[in-house]
Amino acid sequence: MMNNTITHPAPEYILQMRGKRVMKYRGYTYYTTLKHGYKLCWKCSTQSNCKAIVYTLGNKIYGRKGQHEH
C-alpha cells in the first residue's frame, strides 16, 4: 500500500512591527485572508494581483493554489 501524503517544507512566521503576523514560505510572504477554525488561507503579499495562495491547518501546509507571476 502506498502513502500518497505530500510533504511541504515548514513555513516560517514573522511578526511585523505593527503586530501583524505574516508567513514566509519558499521565498515569498503571505498574509491571512480567511480563517475557519484552525484552517487559514494565506495570499501572496508581494503583489496585489498575484494568484498564489497557501492553505494551512494549524502550523502545517496542506495545500497550494495558483502560481506566482512575479
N, C-alpha and C. Protein backbone atom coordinates (compact mmCIF):
# COMPACT_ATOMS: atom_id res chain seq x y z
N MET A 1 0.84 -1.18 0.00
CA MET A 1 0.00 0.00 0.00
C MET A 1 0.88 1.24 0.00
N MET A 2 0.56 2.20 -0.84
CA MET A 2 1.34 3.43 -0.97
C MET A 2 0.75 4.55 -0.15
N ASN A 3 1.62 5.37 0.42
CA ASN A 3 1.18 6.55 1.15
C ASN A 3 1.23 7.73 0.19
N ASN A 4 0.11 8.37 -0.07
CA ASN A 4 0.05 9.48 -1.02
C ASN A 4 0.17 10.85 -0.36
N THR A 5 0.72 10.91 0.84
CA THR A 5 0.87 12.17 1.55
C THR A 5 1.96 13.02 0.91
N ILE A 6 1.65 14.29 0.66
CA ILE A 6 2.63 15.23 0.12
C ILE A 6 3.21 16.01 1.28
N THR A 7 4.53 16.06 1.35
CA THR A 7 5.19 16.79 2.43
C THR A 7 5.66 18.14 1.91
N HIS A 8 5.24 19.21 2.57
CA HIS A 8 5.65 20.56 2.23
C HIS A 8 6.67 21.04 3.26
N PRO A 9 7.64 21.88 2.85
CA PRO A 9 8.56 22.44 3.83
C PRO A 9 7.79 23.27 4.85
N ALA A 10 8.29 23.32 6.07
CA ALA A 10 7.62 24.08 7.13
C ALA A 10 7.68 25.58 6.85
N PRO A 11 6.57 26.29 7.05
CA PRO A 11 6.58 27.74 6.86
C PRO A 11 7.22 28.43 8.05
N GLU A 12 7.63 29.67 7.84
CA GLU A 12 8.19 30.50 8.91
C GLU A 12 7.20 31.64 9.15
N TYR A 13 6.93 31.93 10.40
CA TYR A 13 6.00 33.00 10.74
C TYR A 13 6.78 34.18 11.30
N ILE A 14 6.42 35.38 10.83
CA ILE A 14 7.13 36.60 11.20
C ILE A 14 6.11 37.58 11.77
N LEU A 15 6.46 38.22 12.88
CA LEU A 15 5.62 39.26 13.45
C LEU A 15 6.13 40.60 12.97
N GLN A 16 5.29 41.32 12.22
CA GLN A 16 5.70 42.62 11.70
C GLN A 16 5.68 43.66 12.82
N MET A 17 6.27 44.82 12.55
CA MET A 17 6.39 45.87 13.56
C MET A 17 5.03 46.32 14.09
N ARG A 18 4.00 46.29 13.26
CA ARG A 18 2.66 46.71 13.69
C ARG A 18 1.89 45.58 14.38
N GLY A 19 2.54 44.44 14.58
CA GLY A 19 1.92 43.33 15.29
C GLY A 19 1.19 42.33 14.41
N LYS A 20 1.19 42.54 13.10
CA LYS A 20 0.52 41.62 12.18
C LYS A 20 1.45 40.45 11.87
N ARG A 21 0.89 39.24 11.86
CA ARG A 21 1.67 38.05 11.57
C ARG A 21 1.60 37.72 10.08
N VAL A 22 2.76 37.49 9.48
CA VAL A 22 2.83 37.06 8.09
C VAL A 22 3.57 35.73 8.04
N MET A 23 3.37 35.01 6.95
CA MET A 23 4.04 33.73 6.77
C MET A 23 5.05 33.86 5.64
N LYS A 24 6.24 33.32 5.85
CA LYS A 24 7.24 33.26 4.80
C LYS A 24 7.37 31.80 4.37
N TYR A 25 7.21 31.58 3.06
CA TYR A 25 7.22 30.22 2.53
C TYR A 25 7.83 30.24 1.14
N ARG A 26 8.89 29.49 0.97
CA ARG A 26 9.60 29.37 -0.31
C ARG A 26 9.97 30.73 -0.91
N GLY A 27 10.41 31.65 -0.05
CA GLY A 27 10.91 32.94 -0.51
C GLY A 27 9.86 34.02 -0.71
N TYR A 28 8.59 33.72 -0.46
CA TYR A 28 7.51 34.69 -0.60
C TYR A 28 6.85 34.91 0.75
N THR A 29 6.23 36.08 0.94
CA THR A 29 5.48 36.34 2.16
C THR A 29 3.99 36.34 1.85
N TYR A 30 3.21 35.93 2.83
CA TYR A 30 1.76 35.79 2.69
C TYR A 30 1.05 36.40 3.89
N TYR A 31 -0.16 36.89 3.68
CA TYR A 31 -1.00 37.37 4.77
C TYR A 31 -2.29 36.56 4.79
N THR A 32 -2.94 36.49 5.95
CA THR A 32 -4.16 35.70 6.06
C THR A 32 -5.34 36.44 5.43
N THR A 33 -6.15 35.68 4.71
CA THR A 33 -7.34 36.26 4.10
C THR A 33 -8.62 35.65 4.66
N LEU A 34 -8.60 34.37 4.97
CA LEU A 34 -9.77 33.68 5.52
C LEU A 34 -9.34 32.79 6.67
N LYS A 35 -10.22 32.68 7.66
CA LYS A 35 -9.95 31.79 8.79
C LYS A 35 -11.21 31.00 9.07
N HIS A 36 -11.05 29.69 9.21
CA HIS A 36 -12.16 28.81 9.55
C HIS A 36 -11.64 27.80 10.56
N GLY A 37 -11.86 28.07 11.84
CA GLY A 37 -11.31 27.21 12.88
C GLY A 37 -9.79 27.29 12.87
N TYR A 38 -9.14 26.13 12.72
CA TYR A 38 -7.68 26.08 12.64
C TYR A 38 -7.17 26.21 11.21
N LYS A 39 -8.06 26.26 10.24
CA LYS A 39 -7.67 26.37 8.83
C LYS A 39 -7.51 27.84 8.47
N LEU A 40 -6.41 28.15 7.79
CA LEU A 40 -6.16 29.52 7.33
C LEU A 40 -5.85 29.52 5.85
N CYS A 41 -6.27 30.57 5.18
CA CYS A 41 -5.96 30.80 3.77
C CYS A 41 -5.01 32.00 3.73
N TRP A 42 -3.84 31.82 3.10
CA TRP A 42 -2.81 32.87 3.04
C TRP A 42 -2.64 33.30 1.59
N LYS A 43 -2.66 34.60 1.33
CA LYS A 43 -2.49 35.15 -0.02
C LYS A 43 -1.13 35.82 -0.12
N CYS A 44 -0.51 35.72 -1.28
CA CYS A 44 0.80 36.34 -1.51
C CYS A 44 0.70 37.84 -1.24
N SER A 45 1.65 38.36 -0.49
CA SER A 45 1.64 39.79 -0.15
C SER A 45 2.62 40.61 -0.98
N THR A 46 3.35 39.95 -1.88
CA THR A 46 4.35 40.66 -2.68
C THR A 46 3.70 41.58 -3.72
N GLN A 47 2.70 41.06 -4.43
CA GLN A 47 1.97 41.86 -5.42
C GLN A 47 0.48 41.63 -5.23
N SER A 48 -0.30 42.70 -5.29
CA SER A 48 -1.73 42.59 -5.01
C SER A 48 -2.49 41.73 -6.02
N ASN A 49 -2.00 41.62 -7.24
CA ASN A 49 -2.71 40.82 -8.26
C ASN A 49 -2.19 39.38 -8.37
N CYS A 50 -1.28 38.98 -7.50
CA CYS A 50 -0.73 37.61 -7.54
C CYS A 50 -1.81 36.62 -7.11
N LYS A 51 -1.89 35.50 -7.80
CA LYS A 51 -2.93 34.49 -7.55
C LYS A 51 -2.46 33.37 -6.63
N ALA A 52 -1.22 33.40 -6.14
CA ALA A 52 -0.69 32.32 -5.30
C ALA A 52 -1.33 32.35 -3.91
N ILE A 53 -1.82 31.18 -3.49
CA ILE A 53 -2.48 31.02 -2.19
C ILE A 53 -1.93 29.76 -1.53
N VAL A 54 -1.75 29.81 -0.22
CA VAL A 54 -1.31 28.66 0.57
C VAL A 54 -2.35 28.42 1.66
N TYR A 55 -2.69 27.15 1.90
CA TYR A 55 -3.64 26.77 2.93
C TYR A 55 -2.90 26.07 4.06
N THR A 56 -3.19 26.47 5.30
CA THR A 56 -2.57 25.82 6.46
C THR A 56 -3.66 25.27 7.38
N LEU A 57 -3.29 24.22 8.08
CA LEU A 57 -4.11 23.63 9.13
C LEU A 57 -3.22 23.58 10.35
N GLY A 58 -3.50 24.41 11.34
CA GLY A 58 -2.56 24.56 12.45
C GLY A 58 -1.32 25.25 11.91
N ASN A 59 -0.16 24.66 12.11
CA ASN A 59 1.09 25.22 11.58
C ASN A 59 1.63 24.43 10.40
N LYS A 60 0.80 23.59 9.79
CA LYS A 60 1.25 22.76 8.67
C LYS A 60 0.52 23.14 7.39
N ILE A 61 1.26 23.14 6.30
CA ILE A 61 0.68 23.44 4.99
C ILE A 61 -0.01 22.19 4.47
N TYR A 62 -1.26 22.35 4.02
CA TYR A 62 -1.96 21.20 3.45
C TYR A 62 -2.38 21.41 2.01
N GLY A 63 -2.07 22.59 1.44
CA GLY A 63 -2.41 22.79 0.04
C GLY A 63 -1.92 24.12 -0.49
N ARG A 64 -1.82 24.18 -1.82
CA ARG A 64 -1.44 25.42 -2.50
C ARG A 64 -2.31 25.56 -3.73
N LYS A 65 -2.46 26.82 -4.18
CA LYS A 65 -3.27 27.08 -5.37
C LYS A 65 -2.66 28.27 -6.10
N GLY A 66 -2.66 28.23 -7.41
CA GLY A 66 -2.14 29.34 -8.20
C GLY A 66 -0.63 29.37 -8.27
N GLN A 67 -0.13 30.25 -9.12
CA GLN A 67 1.31 30.40 -9.34
C GLN A 67 1.70 31.86 -9.17
N HIS A 68 2.94 32.06 -8.75
CA HIS A 68 3.48 33.42 -8.69
C HIS A 68 3.85 33.84 -10.11
N GLU A 69 3.43 35.02 -10.51
CA GLU A 69 3.74 35.55 -11.85
C GLU A 69 4.74 36.71 -11.76
N HIS A 70 5.49 36.76 -10.69
CA HIS A 70 6.43 37.87 -10.49
C HIS A 70 7.76 37.33 -10.02
